[in-house]
N, C-alpha and C. Protein backbone atom coordinates (compact mmCIF):
# COMPACT_ATOMS: atom_id res chain seq x y z
N MET A 1 -15.75 -14.63 -11.98
CA MET A 1 -14.47 -14.49 -12.64
C MET A 1 -13.36 -14.36 -11.59
N LYS A 2 -12.37 -15.22 -11.68
CA LYS A 2 -11.25 -15.18 -10.76
C LYS A 2 -10.21 -14.18 -11.26
N LEU A 3 -9.77 -13.30 -10.37
CA LEU A 3 -8.79 -12.28 -10.72
C LEU A 3 -7.39 -12.75 -10.39
N SER A 4 -6.44 -12.32 -11.20
CA SER A 4 -5.04 -12.64 -10.93
C SER A 4 -4.52 -11.73 -9.82
N CYS A 5 -3.40 -12.10 -9.24
CA CYS A 5 -2.77 -11.25 -8.21
C CYS A 5 -2.47 -9.87 -8.77
N LYS A 6 -2.03 -9.81 -10.02
CA LYS A 6 -1.72 -8.52 -10.65
C LYS A 6 -2.96 -7.63 -10.69
N GLU A 7 -4.10 -8.19 -11.05
CA GLU A 7 -5.35 -7.43 -11.10
C GLU A 7 -5.81 -7.03 -9.70
N ILE A 8 -5.61 -7.90 -8.73
CA ILE A 8 -5.95 -7.58 -7.35
C ILE A 8 -5.15 -6.38 -6.89
N VAL A 9 -3.85 -6.39 -7.14
CA VAL A 9 -2.98 -5.29 -6.72
C VAL A 9 -3.40 -3.98 -7.39
N ARG A 10 -3.79 -4.03 -8.65
CA ARG A 10 -4.26 -2.82 -9.35
C ARG A 10 -5.51 -2.23 -8.68
N ARG A 11 -6.33 -3.09 -8.13
CA ARG A 11 -7.60 -2.63 -7.54
C ARG A 11 -7.50 -2.30 -6.05
N LEU A 12 -6.34 -2.49 -5.45
CA LEU A 12 -6.21 -2.28 -4.00
C LEU A 12 -6.59 -0.87 -3.54
N PRO A 13 -6.15 0.20 -4.20
CA PRO A 13 -6.57 1.53 -3.72
C PRO A 13 -8.09 1.69 -3.67
N ALA A 14 -8.78 1.26 -4.71
CA ALA A 14 -10.25 1.34 -4.71
C ALA A 14 -10.84 0.44 -3.63
N TYR A 15 -10.24 -0.71 -3.42
CA TYR A 15 -10.69 -1.64 -2.38
C TYR A 15 -10.56 -1.00 -1.00
N ILE A 16 -9.42 -0.39 -0.74
CA ILE A 16 -9.16 0.22 0.57
C ILE A 16 -10.03 1.45 0.79
N GLU A 17 -10.27 2.21 -0.27
CA GLU A 17 -11.06 3.44 -0.13
C GLU A 17 -12.56 3.21 -0.27
N GLY A 18 -12.97 1.96 -0.49
CA GLY A 18 -14.40 1.65 -0.58
C GLY A 18 -15.00 1.97 -1.94
N GLY A 19 -14.19 1.92 -2.99
CA GLY A 19 -14.66 2.27 -4.32
C GLY A 19 -15.10 1.09 -5.18
N LEU A 20 -15.31 -0.05 -4.58
CA LEU A 20 -15.74 -1.24 -5.33
C LEU A 20 -17.19 -1.57 -4.99
N ASP A 21 -17.86 -2.26 -5.92
CA ASP A 21 -19.21 -2.72 -5.58
C ASP A 21 -19.09 -3.91 -4.64
N ARG A 22 -20.20 -4.37 -4.09
CA ARG A 22 -20.18 -5.44 -3.08
C ARG A 22 -19.53 -6.72 -3.58
N GLN A 23 -19.85 -7.11 -4.80
CA GLN A 23 -19.30 -8.35 -5.33
C GLN A 23 -17.78 -8.25 -5.48
N GLN A 24 -17.30 -7.14 -6.04
CA GLN A 24 -15.86 -6.95 -6.19
C GLN A 24 -15.18 -6.90 -4.82
N TYR A 25 -15.81 -6.22 -3.87
CA TYR A 25 -15.24 -6.12 -2.53
C TYR A 25 -15.10 -7.50 -1.88
N ARG A 26 -16.15 -8.31 -1.98
CA ARG A 26 -16.11 -9.66 -1.42
C ARG A 26 -15.04 -10.51 -2.09
N GLN A 27 -14.93 -10.36 -3.41
CA GLN A 27 -13.95 -11.14 -4.16
C GLN A 27 -12.52 -10.75 -3.75
N LEU A 28 -12.26 -9.46 -3.64
CA LEU A 28 -10.92 -9.02 -3.23
C LEU A 28 -10.63 -9.40 -1.79
N THR A 29 -11.62 -9.29 -0.91
CA THR A 29 -11.43 -9.66 0.48
C THR A 29 -11.05 -11.13 0.59
N ALA A 30 -11.77 -11.99 -0.11
CA ALA A 30 -11.47 -13.42 -0.07
C ALA A 30 -10.06 -13.70 -0.60
N HIS A 31 -9.69 -13.03 -1.67
CA HIS A 31 -8.36 -13.26 -2.25
C HIS A 31 -7.27 -12.76 -1.31
N VAL A 32 -7.42 -11.55 -0.78
CA VAL A 32 -6.41 -10.96 0.10
C VAL A 32 -6.23 -11.81 1.36
N ARG A 33 -7.31 -12.39 1.85
CA ARG A 33 -7.23 -13.24 3.04
C ARG A 33 -6.57 -14.59 2.75
N SER A 34 -6.71 -15.08 1.53
CA SER A 34 -6.19 -16.41 1.21
C SER A 34 -4.81 -16.39 0.53
N CYS A 35 -4.39 -15.24 0.03
CA CYS A 35 -3.11 -15.14 -0.69
C CYS A 35 -2.13 -14.33 0.17
N LYS A 36 -1.10 -15.00 0.64
CA LYS A 36 -0.13 -14.35 1.53
C LYS A 36 0.49 -13.12 0.87
N HIS A 37 0.89 -13.25 -0.39
CA HIS A 37 1.53 -12.15 -1.12
C HIS A 37 0.60 -10.94 -1.20
N CYS A 38 -0.62 -11.15 -1.64
CA CYS A 38 -1.56 -10.04 -1.78
C CYS A 38 -1.95 -9.45 -0.43
N GLY A 39 -1.98 -10.29 0.61
CA GLY A 39 -2.25 -9.78 1.95
C GLY A 39 -1.16 -8.82 2.41
N ILE A 40 0.09 -9.17 2.14
CA ILE A 40 1.21 -8.30 2.51
C ILE A 40 1.17 -7.01 1.71
N VAL A 41 0.92 -7.12 0.41
CA VAL A 41 0.84 -5.92 -0.44
C VAL A 41 -0.32 -5.03 0.01
N SER A 42 -1.45 -5.64 0.33
CA SER A 42 -2.62 -4.88 0.80
C SER A 42 -2.29 -4.11 2.08
N ASP A 43 -1.65 -4.77 3.02
CA ASP A 43 -1.27 -4.09 4.27
C ASP A 43 -0.31 -2.94 3.98
N SER A 44 0.64 -3.16 3.09
CA SER A 44 1.61 -2.11 2.76
C SER A 44 0.94 -0.92 2.10
N VAL A 45 0.03 -1.18 1.16
CA VAL A 45 -0.69 -0.09 0.49
C VAL A 45 -1.55 0.66 1.50
N ARG A 46 -2.23 -0.07 2.36
CA ARG A 46 -3.08 0.54 3.38
C ARG A 46 -2.26 1.46 4.30
N HIS A 47 -1.12 0.99 4.74
CA HIS A 47 -0.26 1.79 5.62
C HIS A 47 0.30 3.01 4.90
N THR A 48 0.71 2.83 3.65
CA THR A 48 1.24 3.94 2.86
C THR A 48 0.18 5.01 2.65
N MET A 49 -1.03 4.59 2.32
CA MET A 49 -2.12 5.55 2.11
C MET A 49 -2.42 6.29 3.41
N ALA A 50 -2.38 5.61 4.54
CA ALA A 50 -2.63 6.25 5.83
C ALA A 50 -1.57 7.30 6.14
N ILE A 51 -0.32 7.01 5.81
CA ILE A 51 0.76 7.98 6.04
C ILE A 51 0.54 9.23 5.20
N TYR A 52 0.21 9.06 3.94
CA TYR A 52 0.01 10.22 3.08
C TYR A 52 -1.23 11.01 3.45
N GLU A 53 -2.23 10.36 4.04
CA GLU A 53 -3.42 11.07 4.48
C GLU A 53 -3.13 11.90 5.73
N ASP A 54 -2.19 11.48 6.53
CA ASP A 54 -1.82 12.21 7.74
C ASP A 54 -0.57 13.02 7.45
N ARG A 55 -0.76 14.21 6.91
CA ARG A 55 0.35 15.06 6.47
C ARG A 55 1.34 15.39 7.58
N LYS A 56 0.89 15.37 8.82
CA LYS A 56 1.79 15.71 9.93
C LYS A 56 2.95 14.73 10.03
N LEU A 57 2.71 13.48 9.63
CA LEU A 57 3.78 12.49 9.69
C LEU A 57 4.87 12.78 8.65
N LEU A 58 4.54 13.58 7.64
CA LEU A 58 5.50 13.86 6.58
C LEU A 58 6.24 15.17 6.78
N GLU A 59 5.88 15.94 7.80
CA GLU A 59 6.54 17.21 8.04
C GLU A 59 7.80 16.98 8.88
N PHE A 60 8.92 17.49 8.38
CA PHE A 60 10.19 17.33 9.07
C PHE A 60 10.64 18.68 9.63
N GLU A 61 11.45 18.62 10.66
CA GLU A 61 12.01 19.85 11.21
C GLU A 61 12.92 20.47 10.17
N PRO A 62 12.98 21.81 10.14
CA PRO A 62 13.85 22.47 9.17
C PRO A 62 15.30 21.98 9.31
N GLY A 63 15.92 21.70 8.21
CA GLY A 63 17.31 21.27 8.21
C GLY A 63 17.52 19.78 8.43
N LEU A 64 16.49 19.06 8.79
CA LEU A 64 16.65 17.63 9.08
C LEU A 64 17.15 16.87 7.86
N THR A 65 16.57 17.15 6.71
CA THR A 65 16.97 16.40 5.52
C THR A 65 18.41 16.69 5.12
N GLN A 66 18.91 17.86 5.47
CA GLN A 66 20.30 18.16 5.15
C GLN A 66 21.26 17.49 6.14
N SER A 67 20.78 17.14 7.33
CA SER A 67 21.66 16.56 8.34
C SER A 67 21.73 15.03 8.28
N VAL A 68 20.86 14.42 7.48
CA VAL A 68 20.85 12.96 7.36
C VAL A 68 21.82 12.57 6.25
N PRO A 69 22.84 11.78 6.57
CA PRO A 69 23.80 11.40 5.54
C PRO A 69 23.20 10.46 4.51
N VAL A 70 23.62 10.59 3.29
CA VAL A 70 23.18 9.70 2.22
C VAL A 70 24.24 8.63 2.07
N ILE A 71 23.81 7.38 2.19
CA ILE A 71 24.72 6.26 2.07
C ILE A 71 24.38 5.56 0.75
N PRO A 72 25.31 5.58 -0.19
CA PRO A 72 25.02 4.94 -1.49
C PRO A 72 24.89 3.43 -1.33
N HIS A 73 24.02 2.86 -2.12
CA HIS A 73 23.84 1.40 -2.14
C HIS A 73 24.97 0.78 -2.94
N ILE A 74 25.65 -0.15 -2.34
CA ILE A 74 26.75 -0.83 -3.01
C ILE A 74 26.35 -2.28 -3.21
N GLY A 75 26.24 -2.68 -4.46
CA GLY A 75 25.85 -4.05 -4.78
C GLY A 75 26.96 -5.02 -4.48
N LYS A 76 26.60 -6.28 -4.35
CA LYS A 76 27.61 -7.33 -4.07
C LYS A 76 28.38 -7.68 -5.30
């Protein structure tokens, strides 16, 4: 059964964490390698998960968030 990109993206966390059976893993690997979009999304999810797993990267010095200016997004 061929999976859509949408279904591949839904399964990425399980794919990255090793929660798929061999057949599903092989199918997702083949798709991620052959589909540029899903490859980019896979890399992004993998990097995001790694950041959240390493809590030290998310710790900021006291007061840092108050010293960073907020710049509103202005549409064209």
